[in-house]
Amino acid sequence: MVKTQNMNIKRLLTKYSILLIIYIVLVRFIQPYGLRLYYSIYSNPDMATETVNTIQSIFTAVTFLINLIFVIFILVNAKQKKAVDWLIAIITFFSVETGIVLFLIWQIYKELNKKYEAQHAIKNIGQ
């Protein structure tokens, strides 16, 4: 049972670390550098503002969808759906990095708490 819990924690850490790296690359690097590249390439400044507004709207929509996907991942992985899980999902929608860190801390806490309770239950039975 302990190996299963450790594997579950490792699986969650690996999964959400990879997803977080992908999110950071997509949202934090590609968006600003993509606009900078567009400004350096585009030669007609009159149409640039309309196109930049369109590009920024697309980036905002993509960020919204990515945040929504992360919320769905967190709700799927939250087994009991307690109030804390819902709060973490809401936090994730507004700040993916913070939400993932809180979710991982909460999952590790729950796993370690189960392990602690299981160890104490065995000791109480033996007494």
C-alpha atoms as a PDB file:
ATOM      1  CA  MET A   1       0.000   0.000   0.000  1.00  0.00           C
ATOM      2  CA  VAL A   2       2.857   2.367   0.786  1.00  0.00           C
ATOM      3  CA  LYS A   3       4.453   1.724  -2.620  1.00  0.00           C
ATOM      4  CA  THR A   4       1.129   2.479  -4.293  1.00  0.00           C
ATOM      5  CA  GLN A   5       0.853   5.787  -2.442  1.00  0.00           C
ATOM      6  CA  ASN A   6       4.436   6.722  -3.330  1.00  0.00           C
ATOM      7  CA  MET A   7       3.818   5.798  -6.965  1.00  0.00           C
ATOM      8  CA  ASN A   8       0.664   7.904  -6.964  1.00  0.00           C
ATOM      9  CA  ILE A   9       2.554  10.903  -5.594  1.00  0.00           C
ATOM     10  CA  LYS A  10       5.375  10.423  -8.125  1.00  0.00           C
ATOM     11  CA  ARG A  11       2.870  10.068 -10.949  1.00  0.00           C
ATOM     12  CA  LEU A  12       1.086  13.272  -9.958  1.00  0.00           C
ATOM     13  CA  LEU A  13       4.352  15.178  -9.556  1.00  0.00           C
ATOM     14  CA  THR A  14       5.596  14.019 -12.945  1.00  0.00           C
ATOM     15  CA  LYS A  15       2.309  14.677 -14.723  1.00  0.00           C
ATOM     16  CA  TYR A  16       1.765  18.159 -13.331  1.00  0.00           C
ATOM     17  CA  SER A  17       5.438  19.148 -13.663  1.00  0.00           C
ATOM     18  CA  ILE A  18       5.321  18.341 -17.367  1.00  0.00           C
ATOM     19  CA  LEU A  19       2.002  20.144 -17.788  1.00  0.00           C
ATOM     20  CA  LEU A  20       3.317  23.162 -15.890  1.00  0.00           C
ATOM     21  CA  ILE A  21       6.431  23.349 -18.061  1.00  0.00           C
ATOM     22  CA  ILE A  22       4.273  23.175 -21.193  1.00  0.00           C
ATOM     23  CA  TYR A  23       2.028  25.931 -19.803  1.00  0.00           C
ATOM     24  CA  ILE A  24       4.969  28.177 -18.969  1.00  0.00           C
ATOM     25  CA  VAL A  25       6.479  27.705 -22.422  1.00  0.00           C
ATOM     26  CA  LEU A  26       3.184  28.365 -24.195  1.00  0.00           C
ATOM     27  CA  VAL A  27       1.838  31.238 -22.150  1.00  0.00           C
ATOM     28  CA  ARG A  28       4.877  32.953 -20.683  1.00  0.00           C
ATOM     29  CA  PHE A  29       7.332  32.715 -23.593  1.00  0.00           C
ATOM     30  CA  ILE A  30       5.524  32.228 -26.890  1.00  0.00           C
ATOM     31  CA  GLN A  31       2.958  34.995 -26.356  1.00  0.00           C
ATOM     32  CA  PRO A  32       5.319  37.918 -25.686  1.00  0.00           C
ATOM     33  CA  TYR A  33       8.002  36.778 -28.131  1.00  0.00           C
ATOM     34  CA  GLY A  34       5.412  36.011 -30.785  1.00  0.00           C
ATOM     35  CA  LEU A  35       4.116  39.588 -30.598  1.00  0.00           C
ATOM     36  CA  ARG A  36       7.650  40.973 -30.609  1.00  0.00           C
ATOM     37  CA  LEU A  37       8.421  38.905 -33.698  1.00  0.00           C
ATOM     38  CA  TYR A  38       5.236  40.155 -35.360  1.00  0.00           C
ATOM     39  CA  TYR A  39       6.168  43.779 -34.661  1.00  0.00           C
ATOM     40  CA  SER A  40       9.650  43.291 -36.085  1.00  0.00           C
ATOM     41  CA  ILE A  41       8.394  41.599 -39.271  1.00  0.00           C
ATOM     42  CA  TYR A  42       5.264  43.622 -40.051  1.00  0.00           C
ATOM     43  CA  SER A  43       5.951  46.685 -42.190  1.00  0.00           C
ATOM     44  CA  ASN A  44       2.568  48.514 -42.317  1.00  0.00           C
ATOM     45  CA  PRO A  45       2.015  50.230 -38.919  1.00  0.00           C
ATOM     46  CA  ASP A  46      -1.602  51.267 -39.707  1.00  0.00           C
ATOM     47  CA  MET A  47      -2.912  47.717 -39.871  1.00  0.00           C
ATOM     48  CA  ALA A  48      -0.595  46.473 -37.148  1.00  0.00           C
ATOM     49  CA  THR A  49      -2.820  47.664 -34.262  1.00  0.00           C
ATOM     50  CA  GLU A  50      -5.885  45.812 -35.551  1.00  0.00           C
ATOM     51  CA  THR A  51      -3.900  42.669 -36.182  1.00  0.00           C
ATOM     52  CA  VAL A  52      -2.142  42.899 -32.814  1.00  0.00           C
ATOM     53  CA  ASN A  53      -5.517  43.269 -31.082  1.00  0.00           C
ATOM     54  CA  THR A  54      -6.720  40.173 -32.907  1.00  0.00           C
ATOM     55  CA  ILE A  55      -3.573  38.251 -31.966  1.00  0.00           C
ATOM     56  CA  GLN A  56      -3.903  39.331 -28.336  1.00  0.00           C
ATOM     57  CA  SER A  57      -7.547  38.220 -28.326  1.00  0.00           C
ATOM     58  CA  ILE A  58      -6.517  34.832 -29.687  1.00  0.00           C
ATOM     59  CA  PHE A  59      -3.800  34.539 -27.027  1.00  0.00           C
ATOM     60  CA  THR A  60      -6.329  35.418 -24.323  1.00  0.00           C
ATOM     61  CA  ALA A  61      -8.758  32.793 -25.619  1.00  0.00           C
ATOM     62  CA  VAL A  62      -6.007  30.173 -25.759  1.00  0.00           C
ATOM     63  CA  THR A  63      -4.902  31.023 -22.211  1.00  0.00           C
ATOM     64  CA  PHE A  64      -8.527  30.753 -21.045  1.00  0.00           C
ATOM     65  CA  LEU A  65      -8.863  27.316 -22.654  1.00  0.00           C
ATOM     66  CA  ILE A  66      -5.556  26.109 -21.207  1.00  0.00           C
ATOM     67  CA  ASN A  67      -6.621  27.275 -17.737  1.00  0.00           C
ATOM     68  CA  LEU A  68      -9.931  25.465 -18.174  1.00  0.00           C
ATOM     69  CA  ILE A  69      -8.119  22.278 -19.204  1.00  0.00           C
ATOM     70  CA  PHE A  70      -5.966  22.466 -16.069  1.00  0.00           C
ATOM     71  CA  VAL A  71      -9.076  22.908 -13.919  1.00  0.00           C
ATOM     72  CA  ILE A  72     -10.602  19.811 -15.517  1.00  0.00           C
ATOM     73  CA  PHE A  73      -7.385  17.825 -14.902  1.00  0.00           C
ATOM     74  CA  ILE A  74      -7.386  18.865 -11.257  1.00  0.00           C
ATOM     75  CA  LEU A  75     -11.057  18.021 -10.750  1.00  0.00           C
ATOM     76  CA  VAL A  76     -10.557  14.617 -12.366  1.00  0.00           C
ATOM     77  CA  ASN A  77      -7.560  13.851 -10.142  1.00  0.00           C
ATOM     78  CA  ALA A  78      -9.258  15.122  -6.978  1.00  0.00           C
ATOM     79  CA  LYS A  79     -10.894  11.941  -5.764  1.00  0.00           C
ATOM     80  CA  GLN A  80     -13.193  13.190  -3.027  1.00  0.00           C
ATOM     81  CA  LYS A  81     -14.109  16.659  -4.385  1.00  0.00           C
ATOM     82  CA  LYS A  82     -14.052  18.370  -1.003  1.00  0.00           C
ATOM     83  CA  ALA A  83     -14.433  22.127  -0.648  1.00  0.00           C
ATOM     84  CA  VAL A  84     -10.650  22.511  -0.692  1.00  0.00           C
ATOM     85  CA  ASP A  85     -10.483  20.751  -4.056  1.00  0.00           C
ATOM     86  CA  TRP A  86     -13.058  23.141  -5.505  1.00  0.00           C
ATOM     87  CA  LEU A  87     -11.189  26.150  -4.098  1.00  0.00           C
ATOM     88  CA  ILE A  88      -7.959  24.884  -5.622  1.00  0.00           C
ATOM     89  CA  ALA A  89      -9.758  24.460  -8.960  1.00  0.00           C
ATOM     90  CA  ILE A  90     -10.967  28.070  -8.810  1.00  0.00           C
ATOM     91  CA  ILE A  91      -7.477  29.288  -7.908  1.00  0.00           C
ATOM     92  CA  THR A  92      -6.093  27.235 -10.808  1.00  0.00           C
ATOM     93  CA  PHE A  93      -8.451  28.924 -13.231  1.00  0.00           C
ATOM     94  CA  PHE A  94      -7.006  32.324 -12.354  1.00  0.00           C
ATOM     95  CA  SER A  95      -3.387  31.277 -11.716  1.00  0.00           C
ATOM     96  CA  VAL A  96      -2.312  27.906 -13.057  1.00  0.00           C
ATOM     97  CA  GLU A  97       1.075  27.907 -11.345  1.00  0.00           C
ATOM     98  CA  THR A  98      -0.365  28.617  -7.897  1.00  0.00           C
ATOM     99  CA  GLY A  99      -3.217  26.167  -8.375  1.00  0.00           C
ATOM    100  CA  ILE A 100      -0.948  23.312  -9.407  1.00  0.00           C
ATOM    101  CA  VAL A 101       1.419  23.886  -6.492  1.00  0.00           C
ATOM    102  CA  LEU A 102      -1.503  23.995  -4.034  1.00  0.00           C
ATOM    103  CA  PHE A 103      -3.060  20.899  -5.606  1.00  0.00           C
ATOM    104  CA  LEU A 104       0.176  18.920  -5.361  1.00  0.00           C
ATOM    105  CA  ILE A 105       0.713  19.990  -1.753  1.00  0.00           C
ATOM    106  CA  TRP A 106      -2.879  19.015  -0.914  1.00  0.00           C
ATOM    107  CA  GLN A 107      -2.546  15.606  -2.624  1.00  0.00           C
ATOM    108  CA  ILE A 108       0.766  14.872  -0.873  1.00  0.00           C
ATOM    109  CA  TYR A 109      -0.776  15.887   2.452  1.00  0.00           C
ATOM    110  CA  LYS A 110      -3.746  13.559   1.907  1.00  0.00           C
ATOM    111  CA  GLU A 111      -1.500  10.633   0.928  1.00  0.00           C
ATOM    112  CA  LEU A 112       0.807  11.136   3.905  1.00  0.00           C
ATOM    113  CA  ASN A 113      -2.201  11.500   6.214  1.00  0.00           C
ATOM    114  CA  LYS A 114      -3.606   8.176   4.943  1.00  0.00           C
ATOM    115  CA  LYS A 115      -0.238   6.546   5.530  1.00  0.00           C
ATOM    116  CA  TYR A 116      -0.047   7.967   9.071  1.00  0.00           C
ATOM    117  CA  GLU A 117      -3.594   6.838   9.900  1.00  0.00           C
ATOM    118  CA  ALA A 118      -2.904   3.359   8.523  1.00  0.00           C
ATOM    119  CA  GLN A 119       0.219   3.018  10.657  1.00  0.00           C
ATOM    120  CA  HIS A 120      -1.619   4.132  13.786  1.00  0.00           C
ATOM    121  CA  ALA A 121      -4.549   1.852  13.072  1.00  0.00           C
ATOM    122  CA  ILE A 122      -2.180  -1.136  12.930  1.00  0.00           C
ATOM    123  CA  LYS A 123      -0.570  -0.123  16.239  1.00  0.00           C
ATOM    124  CA  ASN A 124      -3.989   0.288  17.898  1.00  0.00           C
ATOM    125  CA  ILE A 125      -5.088  -3.154  16.736  1.00  0.00           C
ATOM    126  CA  GLY A 126      -1.924  -4.720  18.143  1.00  0.00           C
ATOM    127  CA  GLN A 127      -2.482  -3.205  21.594  1.00  0.00           C
END
